[in-house]
Amino acid sequence: MELSISDKYKGNMLFIDQIDNRIQEKHLLNHSFYKAWSAGELSVETIREYSAQYYLHVSHFPRYLSSIHANCEDIHIRQMLLENLVDEEMGNENHPELWMRFAEGMGNTRDKVNQTIAIDETKELVNTFIKLSKSEQYHIGLAALYCYESMQPEISETKKEGLQKFYGIEDENILKFFTVHMQADKWHREVVRKLLVEVSDTEEIQKEILETVDVALHALNNFLTGMERAYC
């Protein structure tokens, strides 16, 4: 389903296109780590370590959303963020749990994942998103959220295909995190994109949003570079 944009915000659409173009230029699927994943060139051991390191980001993600929600004065926006948060954290199949099952499927134990010591790039990724999501200017948190979620459907599909084709993983219990995000984040992407259209109504806000997208993109790409440095 595509969300409609009221005439009041039509002028902001060109700006949102700028954001999308910037994300596309530094899309994570263009990183050599994910290209190697797609080609079956990563060792199982590397993906195992990746799953443990990345859990630190995935497990914090509901807290990023909570921070943005808490800093937002607009109940309309808070309600939409709450729907996203419920998707992430509600029930026995919350998204951190689904990622943990993937980590187990790659040969980790829960204790190992929970006791994983973050490499510097993982720390930077988590700290960056915590800082952005806690900004009193909630449009900064929205921008970081959009930067991440806008890429997730395609990334999840690519990861799942690579795991099936090259690593022989067919168990849907292991793959479910990716299956869910192939669909759920298409909706989340549209929701947050619409919210950004609504809030990006001054040059100053637009400047801050673009700066935030650059910072988030750097942290996400740098994490993958850190994985190559430490484990490839």
Protein backbone atom coordinates (compact mmCIF):
# COMPACT_ATOMS: atom_id res chain seq x y z
CA MET A 1 0.00 0.00 0.00
CA GLU A 2 1.28 3.45 -0.84
CA LEU A 3 0.64 6.33 1.52
CA SER A 4 -0.75 9.48 -0.04
CA ILE A 5 0.90 12.87 0.45
CA SER A 6 -1.37 15.87 0.91
CA ASP A 7 -1.01 18.87 -1.39
CA LYS A 8 0.41 20.85 1.52
CA TYR A 9 3.61 18.80 1.40
CA LYS A 10 4.02 18.26 -2.34
CA GLY A 11 6.86 20.78 -2.44
CA ASN A 12 8.90 18.68 -0.02
CA MET A 13 8.91 15.64 -2.30
CA LEU A 14 11.92 16.86 -4.27
CA PHE A 15 13.88 17.07 -1.05
CA ILE A 16 12.94 13.52 -0.10
CA ASP A 17 14.13 12.42 -3.52
CA GLN A 18 17.50 13.95 -2.63
CA ILE A 19 17.61 11.76 0.47
CA ASP A 20 16.74 8.65 -1.52
CA ASN A 21 19.45 9.44 -4.08
CA ARG A 22 22.02 9.92 -1.34
CA ILE A 23 21.08 6.62 0.27
CA GLN A 24 21.22 4.86 -3.08
CA GLU A 25 24.74 6.18 -3.72
CA LYS A 26 25.98 4.61 -0.47
CA HIS A 27 23.54 1.73 -0.28
CA LEU A 28 24.83 -1.12 1.87
CA LEU A 29 24.35 -3.59 -0.97
CA ASN A 30 27.13 -1.73 -2.77
CA HIS A 31 29.56 -2.56 0.04
CA SER A 32 32.09 -5.27 -0.72
CA PHE A 33 31.04 -7.27 2.37
CA TYR A 34 27.47 -7.71 1.16
CA LYS A 35 28.63 -8.27 -2.41
CA ALA A 36 30.77 -11.14 -1.10
CA TRP A 37 27.74 -12.47 0.79
CA SER A 38 25.66 -12.37 -2.39
CA ALA A 39 28.38 -14.26 -4.27
CA GLY A 40 28.87 -16.90 -1.57
CA GLU A 41 32.42 -15.71 -0.92
CA LEU A 42 32.14 -15.20 2.84
CA SER A 43 33.07 -18.10 5.09
CA VAL A 44 30.46 -19.52 7.44
CA GLU A 45 32.71 -18.41 10.30
CA THR A 46 32.59 -14.80 9.07
CA ILE A 47 28.79 -14.81 8.88
CA ARG A 48 28.69 -16.42 12.32
CA GLU A 49 30.76 -13.58 13.77
CA TYR A 50 28.72 -11.04 11.83
CA SER A 51 25.49 -12.38 13.30
CA ALA A 52 26.86 -12.01 16.83
CA GLN A 53 28.23 -8.51 16.27
CA TYR A 54 25.13 -7.22 14.48
CA TYR A 55 22.87 -8.50 17.25
CA LEU A 56 24.13 -5.60 19.32
CA HIS A 57 22.54 -3.21 16.81
CA VAL A 58 19.38 -5.25 16.26
CA SER A 59 18.74 -5.63 19.99
CA HIS A 60 19.05 -1.86 20.46
CA PHE A 61 16.72 -1.03 17.57
CA PRO A 62 13.49 -0.98 19.63
CA ARG A 63 15.23 1.42 22.01
CA TYR A 64 16.13 3.73 19.12
CA LEU A 65 12.45 3.81 18.22
CA SER A 66 11.44 4.40 21.83
CA SER A 67 13.75 7.39 22.05
CA ILE A 68 12.39 8.98 18.88
CA HIS A 69 8.85 8.34 20.12
CA ALA A 70 9.60 9.92 23.51
CA ASN A 71 11.09 13.07 21.97
CA CYS A 72 8.19 13.67 19.58
CA GLU A 73 5.44 16.10 20.57
CA ASP A 74 3.16 15.22 17.65
CA ILE A 75 0.72 12.46 18.66
CA HIS A 76 0.05 11.62 14.99
CA ILE A 77 3.74 10.84 14.45
CA ARG A 78 4.03 9.07 17.81
CA GLN A 79 1.17 6.76 16.87
CA MET A 80 2.90 5.74 13.65
CA LEU A 81 6.19 5.19 15.47
CA LEU A 82 4.36 3.12 18.06
CA GLU A 83 3.06 0.77 15.37
CA ASN A 84 6.64 0.30 14.19
CA LEU A 85 7.83 -0.30 17.76
CA VAL A 86 5.13 -2.89 18.39
CA ASP A 87 6.20 -4.73 15.23
CA GLU A 88 9.80 -4.74 16.47
CA GLU A 89 9.34 -5.74 20.08
CA MET A 90 5.97 -7.39 20.70
CA GLY A 91 5.54 -11.07 21.46
CA ASN A 92 7.73 -14.16 21.40
CA GLU A 93 8.78 -13.51 17.82
CA ASN A 94 10.06 -10.00 18.35
CA HIS A 95 12.76 -8.96 15.92
CA PRO A 96 15.76 -9.29 18.27
CA GLU A 97 14.54 -12.85 18.99
CA LEU A 98 14.29 -13.61 15.27
CA TRP A 99 17.84 -12.36 14.77
CA MET A 100 19.04 -14.49 17.69
CA ARG A 101 17.57 -17.54 15.95
CA PHE A 102 19.54 -16.64 12.84
CA ALA A 103 22.70 -16.31 14.94
CA GLU A 104 22.04 -19.74 16.42
CA GLY A 105 21.47 -21.14 12.94
CA MET A 106 24.95 -19.95 12.00
CA GLY A 107 26.47 -21.91 14.89
CA ASN A 108 26.37 -19.45 17.78
CA THR A 109 24.92 -20.10 21.21
CA ARG A 110 22.78 -17.53 22.95
CA ASP A 111 25.40 -17.14 25.66
CA LYS A 112 28.09 -16.45 23.08
CA VAL A 113 25.98 -13.83 21.32
CA ASN A 114 25.05 -12.13 24.58
CA GLN A 115 28.67 -12.11 25.71
CA THR A 116 30.12 -10.94 22.38
CA ILE A 117 32.60 -8.12 22.77
CA ALA A 118 31.85 -5.41 20.25
CA ILE A 119 34.55 -4.42 17.81
CA ASP A 120 35.16 -0.68 17.48
CA GLU A 121 32.97 -0.34 14.40
CA THR A 122 30.05 -2.06 16.13
CA LYS A 123 30.38 0.27 19.09
CA GLU A 124 30.40 3.25 16.74
CA LEU A 125 27.30 2.00 14.94
CA VAL A 126 25.28 1.52 18.12
CA ASN A 127 26.50 4.74 19.73
CA THR A 128 25.75 6.72 16.58
CA PHE A 129 22.17 5.49 16.38
CA ILE A 130 21.63 5.99 20.12
CA LYS A 131 22.85 9.58 19.82
CA LEU A 132 20.76 10.35 16.73
CA SER A 133 17.61 8.75 18.09
CA LYS A 134 17.91 10.62 21.39
CA SER A 135 18.18 14.02 19.72
CA GLU A 136 15.63 16.49 21.05
CA GLN A 137 14.98 17.35 17.40
CA TYR A 138 12.99 14.25 16.60
CA HIS A 139 13.33 14.76 12.84
CA ILE A 140 16.98 13.76 13.30
CA GLY A 141 15.90 10.43 14.76
CA LEU A 142 13.37 10.01 11.95
CA ALA A 143 16.10 10.61 9.38
CA ALA A 144 18.36 7.96 10.94
CA LEU A 145 15.43 5.55 11.10
CA TYR A 146 14.55 6.14 7.46
CA CYS A 147 18.17 5.74 6.36
CA TYR A 148 18.26 2.29 7.93
CA GLU A 149 14.77 0.98 7.19
CA SER A 150 14.67 2.23 3.60
CA MET A 151 17.39 -0.27 2.67
CA GLN A 152 16.17 -3.25 4.66
CA PRO A 153 13.68 -4.94 2.27
CA GLU A 154 16.27 -5.34 -0.49
CA ILE A 155 19.08 -6.20 1.92
CA SER A 156 16.96 -8.84 3.65
CA GLU A 157 15.99 -10.41 0.34
CA THR A 158 19.62 -10.49 -0.81
CA LYS A 159 20.84 -12.01 2.45
CA LYS A 160 18.14 -14.67 2.44
CA GLU A 161 18.85 -15.64 -1.16
CA GLY A 162 22.57 -15.88 -0.44
CA LEU A 163 22.04 -18.03 2.64
CA GLN A 164 19.81 -20.40 0.70
CA LYS A 165 21.90 -20.59 -2.46
CA PHE A 166 25.42 -20.75 -1.09
CA TYR A 167 25.16 -21.84 2.52
CA GLY A 168 22.38 -24.42 2.31
CA ILE A 169 20.14 -22.77 4.89
CA GLU A 170 16.47 -23.53 4.22
CA ASP A 171 15.05 -23.61 7.75
CA GLU A 172 12.48 -20.80 7.87
CA ASN A 173 13.01 -20.52 11.61
CA ILE A 174 16.56 -19.38 10.86
CA LEU A 175 15.58 -17.19 7.91
CA LYS A 176 12.47 -15.61 9.40
CA PHE A 177 14.13 -12.32 10.38
CA PHE A 178 14.86 -11.69 6.72
CA THR A 179 11.48 -12.93 5.51
CA VAL A 180 9.69 -10.57 7.90
CA HIS A 181 11.82 -7.55 6.96
CA MET A 182 11.39 -8.16 3.25
CA GLN A 183 7.74 -7.19 3.78
CA ALA A 184 7.42 -5.23 7.02
CA ASP A 185 10.07 -2.66 6.20
CA LYS A 186 8.44 -1.85 2.88
CA TRP A 187 5.55 -0.50 4.94
CA HIS A 188 7.84 1.09 7.55
CA ARG A 189 9.80 2.75 4.75
CA GLU A 190 6.66 4.33 3.33
CA VAL A 191 5.45 5.46 6.76
CA VAL A 192 8.71 7.14 7.79
CA ARG A 193 9.18 8.63 4.32
CA LYS A 194 5.79 10.27 4.62
CA LEU A 195 6.67 11.60 8.07
CA LEU A 196 9.91 13.09 6.76
CA VAL A 197 7.97 14.79 3.99
CA GLU A 198 5.73 16.35 6.61
CA VAL A 199 8.50 17.62 8.91
CA SER A 200 11.06 18.81 6.33
CA ASP A 201 9.46 22.19 5.82
CA THR A 202 12.42 24.53 6.44
CA GLU A 203 15.90 24.74 4.95
CA GLU A 204 17.45 24.28 8.40
CA ILE A 205 15.53 21.07 9.05
CA GLN A 206 16.40 19.78 5.58
CA LYS A 207 20.08 20.51 6.22
CA GLU A 208 19.97 18.62 9.52
CA ILE A 209 18.20 15.67 7.91
CA LEU A 210 20.78 15.39 5.14
CA GLU A 211 23.62 15.59 7.66
CA THR A 212 21.98 12.87 9.72
CA VAL A 213 21.58 10.60 6.71
CA ASP A 214 25.29 11.02 5.93
CA VAL A 215 26.26 10.17 9.52
CA ALA A 216 24.00 7.11 9.61
CA LEU A 217 25.22 5.87 6.23
CA HIS A 218 28.82 6.20 7.35
CA ALA A 219 28.19 4.24 10.56
CA LEU A 220 26.37 1.45 8.73
CA ASN A 221 28.96 1.11 5.98
CA ASN A 222 31.82 1.41 8.44
CA PHE A 223 30.40 -1.49 10.43
CA LEU A 224 30.68 -3.70 7.35
CA THR A 225 34.23 -2.46 6.77
CA GLY A 226 34.96 -3.40 10.38
CA MET A 227 33.65 -6.90 9.75
CA GLU A 228 36.04 -7.26 6.84
CA ARG A 229 38.91 -5.92 8.93
CA ALA A 230 38.27 -8.22 11.86
CA TYR A 231 36.98 -11.43 10.29
CA CYS A 232 37.74 -11.69 6.57
